[in-house]
Amino acid sequence: MARDTKRIDAKGRFIISTRLKDLMGTDLVVTNSLDKGYLCVYSKEHFDSIKDQLSKLNSMDNNVRTIQRAIVGEALEVSTDSQGRISITNELWERINANPGDEICVFDIMGKLDICTRSFYEGQTDELLSIEGLDTKYYVEGL
């Protein structure tokens, strides 16, 4: 799937395509990403496996606790409605500087969705292409 562009409605919702809904199910989990500027959407089962992995890490390590709080502590369980929409809290939208009416980019990345604002994504793309000495052929060739 290529990048899908959606718009956040006045209630903080956006529509997940039928294909993605069929693939991921109707019970989903939205949380912070490890990447700045992104949220992630997981199927409930996928997120349960992530929680299991995180629970096995050394909780005496401050970095582990920080990641656990950011990923598990901020997780929001949602269900798609009859029109395929999911509702995300203002707090999570604020994490990526998104507001009602904004366009977002949705990427299907191996069973999870990465979400960012369109303006953030376009800025990242422009930044990548402007890196002096970057041979984009190296990154694209063989894909």
N, C-alpha and C. Protein backbone atom coordinates (compact mmCIF):
# COMPACT_ATOMS: atom_id res chain seq x y z
N MET A 1 0.84 -1.18 0.00
CA MET A 1 0.00 0.00 0.00
C MET A 1 0.88 1.23 0.00
N ALA A 2 0.54 2.16 -0.81
CA ALA A 2 1.23 3.44 -0.81
C ALA A 2 0.70 4.29 0.35
N ARG A 3 1.31 5.39 0.52
CA ARG A 3 0.85 6.33 1.55
C ARG A 3 -0.60 6.68 1.27
N ASP A 4 -1.39 6.69 2.32
CA ASP A 4 -2.80 7.05 2.23
C ASP A 4 -2.98 8.35 2.99
N THR A 5 -3.60 9.33 2.36
CA THR A 5 -3.83 10.62 3.01
C THR A 5 -5.28 10.71 3.43
N LYS A 6 -5.47 11.06 4.70
CA LYS A 6 -6.80 11.19 5.28
C LYS A 6 -6.91 12.55 5.94
N ARG A 7 -8.13 12.92 6.34
CA ARG A 7 -8.34 14.17 7.06
C ARG A 7 -8.98 13.84 8.41
N ILE A 8 -8.49 14.50 9.45
CA ILE A 8 -9.06 14.35 10.79
C ILE A 8 -10.35 15.14 10.85
N ASP A 9 -11.45 14.50 11.27
CA ASP A 9 -12.71 15.23 11.35
C ASP A 9 -12.79 16.02 12.65
N ALA A 10 -13.88 16.75 12.83
CA ALA A 10 -14.05 17.64 13.99
C ALA A 10 -14.03 16.90 15.32
N LYS A 11 -14.33 15.59 15.30
CA LYS A 11 -14.35 14.79 16.53
C LYS A 11 -13.06 14.01 16.75
N GLY A 12 -12.03 14.29 15.95
CA GLY A 12 -10.74 13.61 16.12
C GLY A 12 -10.70 12.22 15.50
N ARG A 13 -11.57 11.96 14.53
CA ARG A 13 -11.64 10.65 13.90
C ARG A 13 -11.05 10.70 12.50
N PHE A 14 -10.66 9.54 12.01
CA PHE A 14 -10.32 9.39 10.60
C PHE A 14 -10.74 8.00 10.16
N ILE A 15 -10.89 7.83 8.86
CA ILE A 15 -11.39 6.57 8.30
C ILE A 15 -10.22 5.66 7.94
N ILE A 16 -10.34 4.42 8.38
CA ILE A 16 -9.39 3.38 7.98
C ILE A 16 -10.01 2.65 6.79
N SER A 17 -9.22 2.42 5.77
CA SER A 17 -9.74 1.77 4.57
C SER A 17 -10.30 0.39 4.91
N THR A 18 -11.22 -0.07 4.10
CA THR A 18 -11.82 -1.39 4.30
C THR A 18 -10.75 -2.48 4.27
N ARG A 19 -9.79 -2.35 3.37
CA ARG A 19 -8.71 -3.34 3.27
C ARG A 19 -7.94 -3.42 4.58
N LEU A 20 -7.60 -2.27 5.16
CA LEU A 20 -6.85 -2.28 6.42
C LEU A 20 -7.72 -2.78 7.57
N LYS A 21 -8.98 -2.42 7.57
CA LYS A 21 -9.88 -2.89 8.61
C LYS A 21 -10.01 -4.41 8.54
N ASP A 22 -10.11 -4.94 7.32
CA ASP A 22 -10.19 -6.40 7.15
C ASP A 22 -8.89 -7.07 7.61
N LEU A 23 -7.77 -6.43 7.36
CA LEU A 23 -6.46 -6.97 7.72
C LEU A 23 -6.22 -6.91 9.24
N MET A 24 -6.57 -5.78 9.86
CA MET A 24 -6.22 -5.56 11.26
C MET A 24 -7.35 -5.87 12.24
N GLY A 25 -8.56 -5.94 11.75
CA GLY A 25 -9.70 -6.15 12.64
C GLY A 25 -10.32 -4.83 13.07
N THR A 26 -11.32 -4.92 13.91
CA THR A 26 -12.03 -3.72 14.33
C THR A 26 -11.60 -3.22 15.71
N ASP A 27 -10.93 -4.06 16.50
CA ASP A 27 -10.43 -3.66 17.81
C ASP A 27 -8.95 -3.34 17.69
N LEU A 28 -8.62 -2.07 17.89
CA LEU A 28 -7.27 -1.58 17.64
C LEU A 28 -6.70 -0.87 18.86
N VAL A 29 -5.41 -0.63 18.83
CA VAL A 29 -4.73 0.12 19.89
C VAL A 29 -3.91 1.22 19.22
N VAL A 30 -4.09 2.46 19.70
CA VAL A 30 -3.33 3.60 19.20
C VAL A 30 -2.38 4.04 20.31
N THR A 31 -1.14 4.31 19.95
CA THR A 31 -0.17 4.76 20.95
C THR A 31 0.94 5.56 20.29
N ASN A 32 1.84 6.05 21.11
CA ASN A 32 3.01 6.77 20.62
C ASN A 32 3.90 5.82 19.83
N SER A 33 4.64 6.40 18.94
CA SER A 33 5.66 5.66 18.20
C SER A 33 7.01 5.93 18.84
N LEU A 34 7.97 5.10 18.55
CA LEU A 34 9.33 5.40 18.96
C LEU A 34 9.93 6.50 18.11
N ASP A 35 9.31 6.78 16.98
CA ASP A 35 9.77 7.83 16.07
C ASP A 35 9.02 9.12 16.35
N LYS A 36 9.76 10.19 16.54
CA LYS A 36 9.17 11.50 16.79
C LYS A 36 8.25 11.88 15.63
N GLY A 37 7.07 12.41 15.98
CA GLY A 37 6.15 12.90 14.96
C GLY A 37 5.16 11.86 14.47
N TYR A 38 5.19 10.65 15.03
CA TYR A 38 4.33 9.57 14.57
C TYR A 38 3.53 8.96 15.72
N LEU A 39 2.34 8.47 15.37
CA LEU A 39 1.55 7.58 16.22
C LEU A 39 1.53 6.23 15.53
N CYS A 40 1.25 5.17 16.29
CA CYS A 40 1.12 3.83 15.72
C CYS A 40 -0.24 3.27 16.06
N VAL A 41 -0.79 2.51 15.12
CA VAL A 41 -2.05 1.79 15.33
C VAL A 41 -1.73 0.32 15.12
N TYR A 42 -2.10 -0.50 16.12
CA TYR A 42 -1.86 -1.94 16.10
C TYR A 42 -3.18 -2.69 16.25
N SER A 43 -3.23 -3.91 15.75
CA SER A 43 -4.33 -4.79 16.12
C SER A 43 -4.15 -5.09 17.60
N LYS A 44 -5.22 -5.45 18.26
CA LYS A 44 -5.14 -5.76 19.70
C LYS A 44 -4.14 -6.88 19.95
N GLU A 45 -4.16 -7.91 19.10
CA GLU A 45 -3.26 -9.05 19.26
C GLU A 45 -1.80 -8.64 19.10
N HIS A 46 -1.51 -7.82 18.10
CA HIS A 46 -0.15 -7.36 17.87
C HIS A 46 0.33 -6.54 19.07
N PHE A 47 -0.53 -5.66 19.59
CA PHE A 47 -0.14 -4.84 20.73
C PHE A 47 0.09 -5.70 21.97
N ASP A 48 -0.72 -6.73 22.16
CA ASP A 48 -0.50 -7.64 23.30
C ASP A 48 0.88 -8.27 23.24
N SER A 49 1.34 -8.61 22.04
CA SER A 49 2.68 -9.21 21.91
C SER A 49 3.77 -8.17 22.22
N ILE A 50 3.53 -6.91 21.87
CA ILE A 50 4.48 -5.84 22.19
C ILE A 50 4.54 -5.65 23.71
N LYS A 51 3.38 -5.64 24.36
CA LYS A 51 3.36 -5.52 25.82
C LYS A 51 4.12 -6.68 26.47
N ASP A 52 3.94 -7.86 25.93
CA ASP A 52 4.63 -9.03 26.47
C ASP A 52 6.15 -8.86 26.34
N GLN A 53 6.60 -8.39 25.19
CA GLN A 53 8.03 -8.17 24.97
C GLN A 53 8.57 -7.11 25.94
N LEU A 54 7.82 -6.02 26.10
CA LEU A 54 8.26 -4.94 26.99
C LEU A 54 8.28 -5.39 28.45
N SER A 55 7.39 -6.29 28.82
CA SER A 55 7.34 -6.75 30.21
C SER A 55 8.55 -7.61 30.57
N LYS A 56 9.22 -8.14 29.56
CA LYS A 56 10.39 -8.99 29.80
C LYS A 56 11.70 -8.21 29.92
N LEU A 57 11.63 -6.91 29.66
CA LEU A 57 12.83 -6.08 29.77
C LEU A 57 13.10 -5.72 31.22
N ASN A 58 14.31 -5.32 31.52
CA ASN A 58 14.73 -4.99 32.88
C ASN A 58 14.08 -3.68 33.34
N SER A 59 13.11 -3.78 34.22
CA SER A 59 12.39 -2.58 34.67
C SER A 59 13.23 -1.72 35.63
N MET A 60 14.41 -2.16 35.97
CA MET A 60 15.33 -1.33 36.77
C MET A 60 16.04 -0.30 35.89
N ASP A 61 15.96 -0.49 34.58
CA ASP A 61 16.58 0.42 33.62
C ASP A 61 15.62 1.58 33.35
N ASN A 62 16.08 2.80 33.58
CA ASN A 62 15.25 3.99 33.38
C ASN A 62 14.75 4.11 31.94
N ASN A 63 15.57 3.77 30.96
CA ASN A 63 15.16 3.85 29.55
C ASN A 63 14.01 2.88 29.26
N VAL A 64 14.05 1.70 29.86
CA VAL A 64 12.98 0.71 29.69
C VAL A 64 11.68 1.27 30.26
N ARG A 65 11.75 1.83 31.47
CA ARG A 65 10.53 2.39 32.08
C ARG A 65 9.97 3.54 31.25
N THR A 66 10.85 4.36 30.70
CA THR A 66 10.40 5.47 29.85
C THR A 66 9.66 4.94 28.63
N ILE A 67 10.21 3.93 27.97
CA ILE A 67 9.56 3.34 26.80
C ILE A 67 8.24 2.69 27.20
N GLN A 68 8.22 1.97 28.30
CA GLN A 68 6.99 1.33 28.76
C GLN A 68 5.90 2.37 29.00
N ARG A 69 6.25 3.48 29.64
CA ARG A 69 5.25 4.54 29.88
C ARG A 69 4.76 5.14 28.57
N ALA A 70 5.69 5.41 27.65
CA ALA A 70 5.33 6.06 26.38
C ALA A 70 4.48 5.16 25.50
N ILE A 71 4.78 3.87 25.48
CA ILE A 71 4.08 2.95 24.57
C ILE A 71 2.86 2.33 25.25
N VAL A 72 3.03 1.69 26.39
CA VAL A 72 1.93 1.01 27.06
C VAL A 72 1.07 1.98 27.85
N GLY A 73 1.73 2.89 28.57
CA GLY A 73 1.00 3.82 29.43
C GLY A 73 0.12 4.80 28.67
N GLU A 74 0.47 5.10 27.45
CA GLU A 74 -0.30 6.05 26.63
C GLU A 74 -1.25 5.35 25.66
N ALA A 75 -1.27 4.03 25.67
CA ALA A 75 -2.07 3.27 24.70
C ALA A 75 -3.56 3.51 24.89
N LEU A 76 -4.25 3.63 23.78
CA LEU A 76 -5.69 3.86 23.74
C LEU A 76 -6.35 2.75 22.94
N GLU A 77 -7.24 1.99 23.58
CA GLU A 77 -7.99 0.96 22.86
C GLU A 77 -9.17 1.62 22.16
N VAL A 78 -9.32 1.33 20.88
CA VAL A 78 -10.39 1.90 20.08
C VAL A 78 -11.03 0.80 19.23
N SER A 79 -12.23 1.06 18.78
CA SER A 79 -12.91 0.17 17.84
C SER A 79 -13.39 0.99 16.67
N THR A 80 -13.32 0.40 15.50
CA THR A 80 -13.83 1.11 14.33
C THR A 80 -15.35 1.16 14.42
N ASP A 81 -15.91 2.27 13.95
CA ASP A 81 -17.37 2.37 13.93
C ASP A 81 -17.89 1.79 12.61
N SER A 82 -19.18 1.91 12.39
CA SER A 82 -19.80 1.30 11.20
C SER A 82 -19.27 1.89 9.89
N GLN A 83 -18.69 3.09 9.95
CA GLN A 83 -18.13 3.71 8.75
C GLN A 83 -16.62 3.52 8.63
N GLY A 84 -16.04 2.74 9.55
CA GLY A 84 -14.61 2.47 9.49
C GLY A 84 -13.75 3.54 10.13
N ARG A 85 -14.35 4.40 10.95
CA ARG A 85 -13.59 5.47 11.59
C ARG A 85 -13.09 5.02 12.96
N ILE A 86 -11.94 5.56 13.34
CA ILE A 86 -11.49 5.41 14.72
C ILE A 86 -11.32 6.81 15.30
N SER A 87 -11.56 6.91 16.58
CA SER A 87 -11.47 8.18 17.29
C SER A 87 -10.23 8.18 18.16
N ILE A 88 -9.43 9.20 18.02
CA ILE A 88 -8.19 9.34 18.78
C ILE A 88 -8.31 10.56 19.69
N THR A 89 -7.81 10.44 20.90
CA THR A 89 -7.91 11.53 21.87
C THR A 89 -7.09 12.74 21.43
N ASN A 90 -7.50 13.90 21.92
CA ASN A 90 -6.75 15.13 21.64
C ASN A 90 -5.32 15.02 22.14
N GLU A 91 -5.12 14.35 23.28
CA GLU A 91 -3.77 14.22 23.83
C GLU A 91 -2.83 13.49 22.87
N LEU A 92 -3.33 12.42 22.26
CA LEU A 92 -2.48 11.71 21.30
C LEU A 92 -2.28 12.53 20.03
N TRP A 93 -3.33 13.18 19.55
CA TRP A 93 -3.16 14.03 18.36
C TRP A 93 -2.13 15.12 18.64
N GLU A 94 -2.16 15.69 19.85
CA GLU A 94 -1.22 16.75 20.21
C GLU A 94 0.23 16.26 20.16
N ARG A 95 0.45 14.97 20.43
CA ARG A 95 1.80 14.41 20.38
C ARG A 95 2.44 14.59 19.01
N ILE A 96 1.60 14.62 17.96
CA ILE A 96 2.15 14.78 16.60
C ILE A 96 1.71 16.12 15.99
N ASN A 97 1.27 17.03 16.85
CA ASN A 97 0.85 18.38 16.40
C ASN A 97 -0.24 18.32 15.34
N ALA A 98 -1.21 17.45 15.55
CA ALA A 98 -2.33 17.31 14.61
C ALA A 98 -3.60 17.87 15.24
N ASN A 99 -4.41 18.48 14.40
CA ASN A 99 -5.67 19.08 14.84
C ASN A 99 -6.79 18.68 13.89
N PRO A 100 -8.04 18.79 14.37
CA PRO A 100 -9.16 18.53 13.46
C PRO A 100 -9.02 19.38 12.19
N GLY A 101 -9.29 18.74 11.07
CA GLY A 101 -9.17 19.39 9.77
C GLY A 101 -7.83 19.16 9.10
N ASP A 102 -6.80 18.76 9.88
CA ASP A 102 -5.48 18.50 9.30
C ASP A 102 -5.49 17.23 8.47
N GLU A 103 -4.63 17.22 7.46
CA GLU A 103 -4.41 16.00 6.69
C GLU A 103 -3.34 15.19 7.39
N ILE A 104 -3.55 13.88 7.40
CA ILE A 104 -2.57 12.96 7.96
C ILE A 104 -2.17 11.95 6.90
N CYS A 105 -0.98 11.41 7.07
CA CYS A 105 -0.50 10.33 6.21
C CYS A 105 -0.57 9.05 7.01
N VAL A 106 -1.11 8.01 6.39
CA VAL A 106 -1.24 6.70 7.03
C VAL A 106 -0.45 5.71 6.20
N PHE A 107 0.47 5.00 6.87
CA PHE A 107 1.33 4.02 6.21
C PHE A 107 1.07 2.65 6.82
N ASP A 108 0.86 1.66 5.98
CA ASP A 108 0.74 0.27 6.43
C ASP A 108 2.14 -0.30 6.44
N ILE A 109 2.69 -0.48 7.64
CA ILE A 109 4.06 -0.97 7.78
C ILE A 109 4.03 -2.32 8.48
N MET A 110 4.00 -3.38 7.71
CA MET A 110 4.08 -4.74 8.22
C MET A 110 3.11 -5.00 9.39
N GLY A 111 1.84 -4.74 9.17
CA GLY A 111 0.83 -5.08 10.17
C GLY A 111 0.54 -4.01 11.20
N LYS A 112 1.15 -2.86 11.08
CA LYS A 112 0.81 -1.73 11.94
C LYS A 112 0.67 -0.50 11.07
N LEU A 113 0.01 0.49 11.58
CA LEU A 113 -0.12 1.74 10.85
C LEU A 113 0.74 2.80 11.50
N ASP A 114 1.50 3.52 10.73
CA ASP A 114 2.22 4.70 11.20
C ASP A 114 1.45 5.90 10.69
N ILE A 115 1.23 6.87 11.60
CA ILE A 115 0.46 8.06 11.26
C ILE A 115 1.26 9.30 11.61
N CYS A 116 1.30 10.26 10.69
CA CYS A 116 1.90 11.56 10.96
C CYS A 116 1.10 12.61 10.19
N THR A 117 1.35 13.86 10.49
CA THR A 117 0.67 14.90 9.71
C THR A 117 1.32 14.97 8.33
N ARG A 118 0.54 15.39 7.38
CA ARG A 118 1.07 15.49 6.02
C ARG A 118 2.21 16.50 5.97
N SER A 119 2.06 17.62 6.66
CA SER A 119 3.10 18.65 6.64
C SER A 119 4.40 18.11 7.25
N PHE A 120 4.31 17.31 8.31
CA PHE A 120 5.50 16.72 8.93
C PHE A 120 6.18 15.77 7.94
N TYR A 121 5.40 14.92 7.29
CA TYR A 121 5.96 13.96 6.35
C TYR A 121 6.64 14.66 5.18
N GLU A 122 5.98 15.67 4.63
CA GLU A 122 6.58 16.39 3.50
C GLU A 122 7.86 17.09 3.93
N GLY A 123 7.90 17.59 5.15
CA GLY A 123 9.12 18.20 5.67
C GLY A 123 10.24 17.18 5.82
N GLN A 124 9.89 15.98 6.29
CA GLN A 124 10.89 14.91 6.40
C GLN A 124 11.44 14.53 5.04
N THR A 125 10.56 14.41 4.06
CA THR A 125 10.97 14.03 2.71
C THR A 125 11.88 15.10 2.12
N ASP A 126 11.49 16.38 2.29
CA ASP A 126 12.33 17.47 1.78
C ASP A 126 13.69 17.46 2.46
N GLU A 127 13.70 17.21 3.78
CA GLU A 127 14.95 17.18 4.53
C GLU A 127 15.84 16.05 4.05
N LEU A 128 15.28 14.88 3.82
CA LEU A 128 16.05 13.73 3.35
C LEU A 128 16.69 14.03 2.00
N LEU A 129 15.90 14.63 1.11
CA LEU A 129 16.40 14.89 -0.24
C LEU A 129 17.43 16.01 -0.28
N SER A 130 17.49 16.83 0.79
CA SER A 130 18.43 17.95 0.79
C SER A 130 19.73 17.66 1.53
N ILE A 131 19.90 16.45 2.04
CA ILE A 131 21.12 16.12 2.77
C ILE A 131 22.29 16.10 1.78
N GLU A 132 23.26 16.96 2.05
CA GLU A 132 24.41 17.07 1.16
C GLU A 132 25.19 15.75 1.14
N GLY A 133 25.48 15.28 -0.03
CA GLY A 133 26.26 14.07 -0.18
C GLY A 133 25.44 12.79 -0.09
N LEU A 134 24.14 12.91 0.13
CA LEU A 134 23.30 11.72 0.23
C LEU A 134 23.08 11.15 -1.16
N ASP A 135 23.44 9.92 -1.33
CA ASP A 135 23.21 9.24 -2.59
C ASP A 135 21.88 8.50 -2.48
N THR A 136 20.80 9.14 -2.93
CA THR A 136 19.47 8.52 -2.81
C THR A 136 19.38 7.22 -3.56
N LYS A 137 20.23 7.02 -4.56
CA LYS A 137 20.25 5.76 -5.28
C LYS A 137 20.55 4.61 -4.33
N TYR A 138 21.43 4.87 -3.35
CA TYR A 138 21.79 3.84 -2.36
C TYR A 138 20.58 3.37 -1.59
N TYR A 139 19.67 4.27 -1.24
CA TYR A 139 18.50 3.93 -0.44
C TYR A 139 17.37 3.32 -1.27
N VAL A 140 17.28 3.68 -2.52
CA VAL A 140 16.17 3.27 -3.34
C VAL A 140 16.49 2.02 -4.15
N GLU A 141 17.72 1.89 -4.58
CA GLU A 141 18.11 0.76 -5.43
C GLU A 141 17.86 -0.56 -4.69
N GLY A 142 17.26 -1.50 -5.34
CA GLY A 142 17.04 -2.81 -4.76
C GLY A 142 15.76 -2.94 -3.97
N LEU A 143 14.99 -1.88 -3.89
CA LEU A 143 13.71 -1.98 -3.16
C LEU A 143 12.68 -2.70 -3.97
